[in-house]
Amino acid sequence: MSVGEKLKLFRNKKDLTLKELNKLTGISISFISDIENNRRNPSIDNLKILAKALDVQVSQLLDEGTSRLPQKNISIDDKLDELEEDMKILFLKAKKLSKEDRQKVLKMMDIFVEENNN
């Protein structure tokens, strides 16, 4: 599920219209709509603002792996192997990004790790 789809899901769970979310965040209605329809990607700052308005963690908007959570009987080695494979895929994708975009990805990862370690 994309960031936009999750944003729309959480907004609908809070029974908020685009206009109401705009008033809570100061982010334009058209920009929120573009995010929800996967036409634009929010900045880290906008993700923080949106997450706060929706009473969710930034990681909940970013986490794409919720549908494949590990089962209890998977060993630590299996989890590490899966993580290593995921990191390889991310690395290959990141090589195509500009330096600025790679920095944004690293900041998002830092936020995600920080929120999940608290």
N, C-alpha and C. Protein backbone atom coordinates (compact mmCIF):
# COMPACT_ATOMS: atom_id res chain seq x y z
N MET A 1 0.85 -1.17 0.00
CA MET A 1 0.00 0.00 0.00
C MET A 1 0.90 1.24 0.00
N SER A 2 0.61 2.19 -0.87
CA SER A 2 1.44 3.38 -1.02
C SER A 2 1.19 4.38 0.12
N VAL A 3 2.09 5.35 0.23
CA VAL A 3 1.93 6.41 1.23
C VAL A 3 0.59 7.12 1.01
N GLY A 4 0.28 7.39 -0.25
CA GLY A 4 -0.98 8.07 -0.57
C GLY A 4 -2.20 7.28 -0.16
N GLU A 5 -2.17 5.98 -0.44
CA GLU A 5 -3.29 5.12 -0.05
C GLU A 5 -3.45 5.08 1.46
N LYS A 6 -2.32 5.01 2.16
CA LYS A 6 -2.38 4.98 3.63
C LYS A 6 -2.87 6.32 4.18
N LEU A 7 -2.42 7.40 3.56
CA LEU A 7 -2.89 8.72 4.00
C LEU A 7 -4.40 8.81 3.87
N LYS A 8 -4.92 8.38 2.74
CA LYS A 8 -6.37 8.43 2.51
C LYS A 8 -7.10 7.52 3.50
N LEU A 9 -6.55 6.35 3.75
CA LEU A 9 -7.15 5.40 4.68
C LEU A 9 -7.24 6.02 6.08
N PHE A 10 -6.13 6.58 6.57
CA PHE A 10 -6.13 7.17 7.91
C PHE A 10 -7.03 8.41 7.96
N ARG A 11 -7.06 9.19 6.89
CA ARG A 11 -7.93 10.37 6.86
C ARG A 11 -9.39 9.94 6.93
N ASN A 12 -9.74 8.91 6.17
CA ASN A 12 -11.12 8.42 6.20
C ASN A 12 -11.49 7.81 7.54
N LYS A 13 -10.53 7.13 8.19
CA LYS A 13 -10.79 6.57 9.52
C LYS A 13 -11.10 7.66 10.54
N LYS A 14 -10.51 8.83 10.34
CA LYS A 14 -10.76 9.97 11.23
C LYS A 14 -11.97 10.78 10.77
N ASP A 15 -12.63 10.31 9.70
CA ASP A 15 -13.79 11.03 9.13
C ASP A 15 -13.46 12.49 8.80
N LEU A 16 -12.29 12.70 8.21
CA LEU A 16 -11.87 14.04 7.83
C LEU A 16 -12.00 14.22 6.32
N THR A 17 -12.47 15.38 5.91
CA THR A 17 -12.47 15.72 4.50
C THR A 17 -11.10 16.29 4.15
N LEU A 18 -10.84 16.43 2.86
CA LEU A 18 -9.59 17.06 2.45
C LEU A 18 -9.49 18.48 3.01
N LYS A 19 -10.60 19.18 3.00
CA LYS A 19 -10.63 20.56 3.51
C LYS A 19 -10.31 20.60 5.00
N GLU A 20 -10.86 19.64 5.76
CA GLU A 20 -10.60 19.60 7.20
C GLU A 20 -9.13 19.27 7.48
N LEU A 21 -8.57 18.34 6.70
CA LEU A 21 -7.16 18.00 6.88
C LEU A 21 -6.29 19.20 6.49
N ASN A 22 -6.70 19.92 5.48
CA ASN A 22 -6.02 21.15 5.08
C ASN A 22 -5.99 22.15 6.23
N LYS A 23 -7.12 22.33 6.90
CA LYS A 23 -7.19 23.28 8.01
C LYS A 23 -6.32 22.85 9.18
N LEU A 24 -6.23 21.53 9.41
CA LEU A 24 -5.41 21.01 10.51
C LEU A 24 -3.92 21.12 10.23
N THR A 25 -3.56 21.03 8.95
CA THR A 25 -2.14 20.92 8.60
C THR A 25 -1.55 22.14 7.91
N GLY A 26 -2.40 22.91 7.25
CA GLY A 26 -1.89 24.02 6.44
C GLY A 26 -1.38 23.56 5.09
N ILE A 27 -1.52 22.28 4.80
CA ILE A 27 -1.11 21.73 3.50
C ILE A 27 -2.30 21.86 2.55
N SER A 28 -2.04 22.33 1.34
CA SER A 28 -3.13 22.61 0.41
C SER A 28 -3.94 21.36 0.08
N ILE A 29 -5.22 21.58 -0.20
CA ILE A 29 -6.12 20.49 -0.56
C ILE A 29 -5.61 19.77 -1.80
N SER A 30 -5.17 20.54 -2.79
CA SER A 30 -4.71 19.92 -4.03
C SER A 30 -3.46 19.06 -3.80
N PHE A 31 -2.57 19.51 -2.91
CA PHE A 31 -1.36 18.73 -2.64
C PHE A 31 -1.71 17.44 -1.90
N ILE A 32 -2.60 17.53 -0.93
CA ILE A 32 -3.04 16.33 -0.20
C ILE A 32 -3.68 15.35 -1.18
N SER A 33 -4.53 15.86 -2.06
CA SER A 33 -5.18 15.02 -3.07
C SER A 33 -4.15 14.37 -3.98
N ASP A 34 -3.15 15.14 -4.39
CA ASP A 34 -2.08 14.59 -5.25
C ASP A 34 -1.32 13.48 -4.53
N ILE A 35 -1.07 13.64 -3.24
CA ILE A 35 -0.40 12.59 -2.47
C ILE A 35 -1.27 11.34 -2.44
N GLU A 36 -2.55 11.53 -2.10
CA GLU A 36 -3.46 10.39 -1.99
C GLU A 36 -3.63 9.65 -3.31
N ASN A 37 -3.48 10.36 -4.41
CA ASN A 37 -3.64 9.75 -5.73
C ASN A 37 -2.30 9.42 -6.38
N ASN A 38 -1.25 9.41 -5.56
CA ASN A 38 0.10 9.00 -5.97
C ASN A 38 0.66 9.82 -7.12
N ARG A 39 0.27 11.09 -7.18
CA ARG A 39 0.82 11.98 -8.20
C ARG A 39 2.01 12.78 -7.66
N ARG A 40 2.09 12.91 -6.32
CA ARG A 40 3.18 13.64 -5.68
C ARG A 40 3.60 12.88 -4.43
N ASN A 41 4.84 13.11 -4.03
CA ASN A 41 5.36 12.51 -2.80
C ASN A 41 5.56 13.61 -1.77
N PRO A 42 5.12 13.38 -0.54
CA PRO A 42 5.29 14.40 0.50
C PRO A 42 6.72 14.45 1.00
N SER A 43 7.13 15.62 1.45
CA SER A 43 8.44 15.76 2.09
C SER A 43 8.36 15.13 3.48
N ILE A 44 9.50 14.98 4.09
CA ILE A 44 9.53 14.43 5.45
C ILE A 44 8.77 15.35 6.40
N ASP A 45 8.97 16.66 6.22
CA ASP A 45 8.26 17.61 7.08
C ASP A 45 6.75 17.49 6.91
N ASN A 46 6.29 17.37 5.67
CA ASN A 46 4.85 17.21 5.44
C ASN A 46 4.34 15.89 6.01
N LEU A 47 5.14 14.84 5.92
CA LEU A 47 4.74 13.56 6.51
C LEU A 47 4.54 13.70 8.01
N LYS A 48 5.45 14.43 8.66
CA LYS A 48 5.34 14.64 10.11
C LYS A 48 4.06 15.41 10.44
N ILE A 49 3.78 16.45 9.67
CA ILE A 49 2.59 17.27 9.90
C ILE A 49 1.32 16.44 9.70
N LEU A 50 1.28 15.68 8.60
CA LEU A 50 0.10 14.85 8.30
C LEU A 50 -0.09 13.77 9.37
N ALA A 51 1.01 13.12 9.75
CA ALA A 51 0.92 12.06 10.76
C ALA A 51 0.39 12.62 12.08
N LYS A 52 0.88 13.78 12.47
CA LYS A 52 0.43 14.40 13.72
C LYS A 52 -1.06 14.71 13.66
N ALA A 53 -1.52 15.26 12.55
CA ALA A 53 -2.94 15.61 12.40
C ALA A 53 -3.83 14.37 12.41
N LEU A 54 -3.29 13.25 11.95
CA LEU A 54 -4.08 12.01 11.88
C LEU A 54 -3.86 11.12 13.11
N ASP A 55 -3.05 11.58 14.05
CA ASP A 55 -2.74 10.80 15.26
C ASP A 55 -2.14 9.44 14.94
N VAL A 56 -1.20 9.43 13.99
CA VAL A 56 -0.47 8.21 13.65
C VAL A 56 1.02 8.54 13.63
N GLN A 57 1.83 7.52 13.61
CA GLN A 57 3.27 7.68 13.49
C GLN A 57 3.63 7.83 12.02
N VAL A 58 4.70 8.55 11.72
CA VAL A 58 5.17 8.67 10.35
C VAL A 58 5.42 7.28 9.77
N SER A 59 5.95 6.40 10.60
CA SER A 59 6.25 5.05 10.14
C SER A 59 5.01 4.31 9.65
N GLN A 60 3.85 4.64 10.21
CA GLN A 60 2.61 4.00 9.77
C GLN A 60 2.24 4.45 8.36
N LEU A 61 2.61 5.66 8.00
CA LEU A 61 2.36 6.13 6.64
C LEU A 61 3.37 5.56 5.66
N LEU A 62 4.58 5.28 6.14
CA LEU A 62 5.65 4.79 5.28
C LEU A 62 5.71 3.28 5.17
N ASP A 63 5.33 2.57 6.21
CA ASP A 63 5.52 1.12 6.27
C ASP A 63 4.74 0.40 5.20
N GLU A 64 5.48 -0.21 4.26
CA GLU A 64 4.83 -0.97 3.20
C GLU A 64 4.85 -2.47 3.47
N GLY A 65 5.47 -2.88 4.56
CA GLY A 65 5.62 -4.30 4.81
C GLY A 65 4.62 -4.90 5.76
N THR A 66 3.55 -4.20 6.08
CA THR A 66 2.62 -4.72 7.07
C THR A 66 1.90 -5.97 6.60
N SER A 67 1.79 -6.15 5.30
CA SER A 67 1.09 -7.34 4.81
C SER A 67 1.97 -8.58 4.84
N ARG A 68 3.25 -8.41 5.12
CA ARG A 68 4.13 -9.57 5.15
C ARG A 68 4.93 -9.63 6.44
N LEU A 69 4.24 -9.42 7.53
CA LEU A 69 4.88 -9.54 8.82
C LEU A 69 5.33 -10.98 9.05
N PRO A 70 6.50 -11.17 9.66
CA PRO A 70 6.99 -12.53 9.85
C PRO A 70 6.13 -13.33 10.81
N GLN A 71 6.04 -14.61 10.52
CA GLN A 71 5.30 -15.50 11.41
C GLN A 71 6.17 -15.81 12.62
N LYS A 72 5.55 -16.24 13.71
CA LYS A 72 6.28 -16.48 14.95
C LYS A 72 7.33 -17.58 14.82
N ASN A 73 7.12 -18.54 13.92
CA ASN A 73 8.04 -19.67 13.83
C ASN A 73 9.22 -19.41 12.89
N ILE A 74 9.36 -18.22 12.36
CA ILE A 74 10.49 -17.90 11.50
C ILE A 74 11.69 -17.60 12.38
N SER A 75 12.83 -18.21 12.05
CA SER A 75 14.03 -18.03 12.86
C SER A 75 14.65 -16.64 12.65
N ILE A 76 15.52 -16.27 13.55
CA ILE A 76 16.23 -15.00 13.44
C ILE A 76 17.06 -14.98 12.17
N ASP A 77 17.70 -16.10 11.84
CA ASP A 77 18.49 -16.17 10.61
C ASP A 77 17.62 -15.91 9.38
N ASP A 78 16.41 -16.47 9.38
CA ASP A 78 15.50 -16.24 8.25
C ASP A 78 15.13 -14.77 8.15
N LYS A 79 14.89 -14.15 9.31
CA LYS A 79 14.55 -12.72 9.32
C LYS A 79 15.71 -11.89 8.80
N LEU A 80 16.94 -12.24 9.23
CA LEU A 80 18.11 -11.51 8.76
C LEU A 80 18.32 -11.69 7.26
N ASP A 81 18.10 -12.91 6.77
CA ASP A 81 18.21 -13.16 5.33
C ASP A 81 17.20 -12.32 4.56
N GLU A 82 15.97 -12.26 5.07
CA GLU A 82 14.93 -11.47 4.42
C GLU A 82 15.29 -9.99 4.44
N LEU A 83 15.79 -9.51 5.58
CA LEU A 83 16.19 -8.11 5.70
C LEU A 83 17.34 -7.80 4.74
N GLU A 84 18.30 -8.71 4.66
CA GLU A 84 19.43 -8.51 3.76
C GLU A 84 18.96 -8.40 2.31
N GLU A 85 18.04 -9.26 1.92
CA GLU A 85 17.50 -9.23 0.56
C GLU A 85 16.75 -7.92 0.31
N ASP A 86 15.95 -7.49 1.28
CA ASP A 86 15.23 -6.22 1.16
C ASP A 86 16.20 -5.05 1.02
N MET A 87 17.28 -5.09 1.79
CA MET A 87 18.27 -4.01 1.73
C MET A 87 18.98 -3.99 0.37
N LYS A 88 19.24 -5.16 -0.20
CA LYS A 88 19.86 -5.22 -1.53
C LYS A 88 18.95 -4.58 -2.57
N ILE A 89 17.67 -4.89 -2.49
CA ILE A 89 16.70 -4.32 -3.43
C ILE A 89 16.64 -2.81 -3.26
N LEU A 90 16.58 -2.35 -2.01
CA LEU A 90 16.56 -0.90 -1.75
C LEU A 90 17.83 -0.22 -2.26
N PHE A 91 18.97 -0.88 -2.07
CA PHE A 91 20.23 -0.31 -2.52
C PHE A 91 20.23 -0.15 -4.04
N LEU A 92 19.76 -1.16 -4.75
CA LEU A 92 19.71 -1.09 -6.21
C LEU A 92 18.78 0.03 -6.68
N LYS A 93 17.65 0.18 -6.00
CA LYS A 93 16.73 1.26 -6.35
C LYS A 93 17.33 2.62 -6.02
N ALA A 94 18.01 2.70 -4.88
CA ALA A 94 18.57 3.97 -4.43
C ALA A 94 19.69 4.46 -5.34
N LYS A 95 20.39 3.55 -6.00
CA LYS A 95 21.47 3.94 -6.90
C LYS A 95 20.96 4.83 -8.03
N LYS A 96 19.69 4.71 -8.36
CA LYS A 96 19.10 5.49 -9.45
C LYS A 96 18.66 6.88 -8.99
N LEU A 97 18.64 7.10 -7.69
CA LEU A 97 18.18 8.38 -7.14
C LEU A 97 19.30 9.41 -7.13
N SER A 98 18.90 10.66 -7.12
CA SER A 98 19.89 11.73 -6.97
C SER A 98 20.42 11.70 -5.54
N LYS A 99 21.53 12.38 -5.33
CA LYS A 99 22.12 12.42 -3.99
C LYS A 99 21.13 13.03 -3.00
N GLU A 100 20.43 14.09 -3.42
CA GLU A 100 19.44 14.75 -2.56
C GLU A 100 18.32 13.78 -2.17
N ASP A 101 17.83 13.02 -3.13
CA ASP A 101 16.76 12.06 -2.84
C ASP A 101 17.24 10.93 -1.93
N ARG A 102 18.49 10.49 -2.11
CA ARG A 102 19.04 9.46 -1.22
C ARG A 102 19.11 9.98 0.21
N GLN A 103 19.46 11.26 0.37
CA GLN A 103 19.49 11.86 1.71
C GLN A 103 18.10 11.88 2.33
N LYS A 104 17.09 12.16 1.52
CA LYS A 104 15.71 12.15 2.01
C LYS A 104 15.32 10.75 2.47
N VAL A 105 15.71 9.74 1.70
CA VAL A 105 15.40 8.36 2.07
C VAL A 105 16.07 8.01 3.39
N LEU A 106 17.31 8.40 3.56
CA LEU A 106 18.02 8.13 4.81
C LEU A 106 17.34 8.81 5.99
N LYS A 107 16.88 10.05 5.79
CA LYS A 107 16.18 10.75 6.86
C LYS A 107 14.89 10.02 7.22
N MET A 108 14.17 9.55 6.20
CA MET A 108 12.92 8.81 6.47
C MET A 108 13.21 7.53 7.23
N MET A 109 14.30 6.84 6.87
CA MET A 109 14.66 5.62 7.57
C MET A 109 15.01 5.92 9.02
N ASP A 110 15.74 7.02 9.24
CA ASP A 110 16.08 7.42 10.61
C ASP A 110 14.82 7.67 11.43
N ILE A 111 13.87 8.38 10.85
CA ILE A 111 12.61 8.66 11.54
C ILE A 111 11.89 7.36 11.87
N PHE A 112 11.81 6.47 10.91
CA PHE A 112 11.12 5.19 11.09
C PHE A 112 11.77 4.39 12.22
N VAL A 113 13.09 4.28 12.19
CA VAL A 113 13.81 3.51 13.22
C VAL A 113 13.63 4.16 14.58
N GLU A 114 13.75 5.49 14.64
CA GLU A 114 13.59 6.21 15.90
C GLU A 114 12.21 5.98 16.51
N GLU A 115 11.17 6.08 15.69
CA GLU A 115 9.80 5.90 16.18
C GLU A 115 9.54 4.48 16.64
N ASN A 116 10.18 3.51 16.02
CA ASN A 116 9.94 2.12 16.37
C ASN A 116 10.83 1.64 17.50
N ASN A 117 11.79 2.45 17.91
CA ASN A 117 12.64 2.09 19.04
C ASN A 117 12.17 2.75 20.33
N ASN A 118 11.12 3.52 20.27
CA ASN A 118 10.59 4.19 21.47
C ASN A 118 9.47 3.41 22.08
